[in-house]
Amino acid sequence: MKRGALPLNALRAFEATLRLGQMKLAAEELGVTYGAISRQVRGLEALLGVTLFEGPRNKLVPTPAAQSLQPALQSAFDGIEEALARLLGQERRLVDLSCLSTLSMRWLIPRLYDFQDAHPQIELRLSAADGPVDFRRDRHDLAIRVGPGPWAPAEAVALFEDRVGPVLAPGRCPAGADWAALSALPLLHTRTRAGAWADWCAGQGLPLPPGGRSFEHFYFLLEAATAGLGMAIAPEVLVRDDLQAGRLVAPFGFVPSGQSYVCLAPPGLRPEAALVRDWLVAQARTAQDLPRPGR
């Protein structure tokens, strides 16, 4: 097909639908109606003589023909976007980082000034997520996740070993208190890691006390522990600053959970994103080199 005959509007509608998974979302992104997207995709199918999507409209499944078009279209639209950005003089380069929400709040954001001071030309945009990463669909440059792996096809660089242990406010932890005394406190749970207390107690050969309070997110859990509402179990990386500041204590230390925090990247990482990844790795190593806070 000659360049002058390319159906650009239809290709934009198709690419957005393929990337976002729904015509409704494609319509919202492009600022048109659902019907307009549907007509453009149907017109493209008629022009090419192939079916591009199957299934109900709220759960479209791309056909092999659609999948074969995606790499070329994504590359073309990305190239146009980057060229226009350069032409418009946008000197700040954007890097999109998907990160676990509590890790962003408790570890990453407090350290961002260091990055921005060293690299003012790069805009680091954070988004909160903890599910599987699809770099083609979500268009993130990097993602931080925790788990046992494997992480293929993404490229994974280790940040932290996930070490967990009980933490509580200093005022709830008398000097010399042992497990028998502290286990009488309410145990604080989070739905994010519902079995964390059971796993820790099993690993230590201790009985799991009944009851306790449950919170939706780690951030709420840690705030509750800091406020003296009970004893939480938490990853060391999320409470390290609190331990050093004396807001929390960890009377039994931390033990490996068998998981790791990793920085994930797609193949062909942009230089700006590689710079962010290198900074994240350096920050993680700095944290690991610091003396571990005691009680």
Foldseek 3Di string as FASTA:
>chain_A
DDPVPDPVVLLQLLQLCVLQVALCRSCVVVVHDSVVSVVSPVVVCVVVVHDQWDDDRNGTDGDPVNVVCNVVSVVVVVVVVVVVCVVVPLQAAEAEEEEAPLCCVQPVVVCVVVVCVVCVSYDYHYDYDADQDDCSNPVHAKYKYKDLDDNPPWDKDFQWQWWKAKKAFPVLDDPPDDCVVQLVAAEEEEPVCRCPQVVVCVVVVHDRDDHHYYDHDPVVRVVCRLVGNGMYMHTCSRCQVVLVVRSMAGAVDIGGPNMTIIMTGHPPRDPVSVVVRVVSNVSSVVSVPDDRRHD
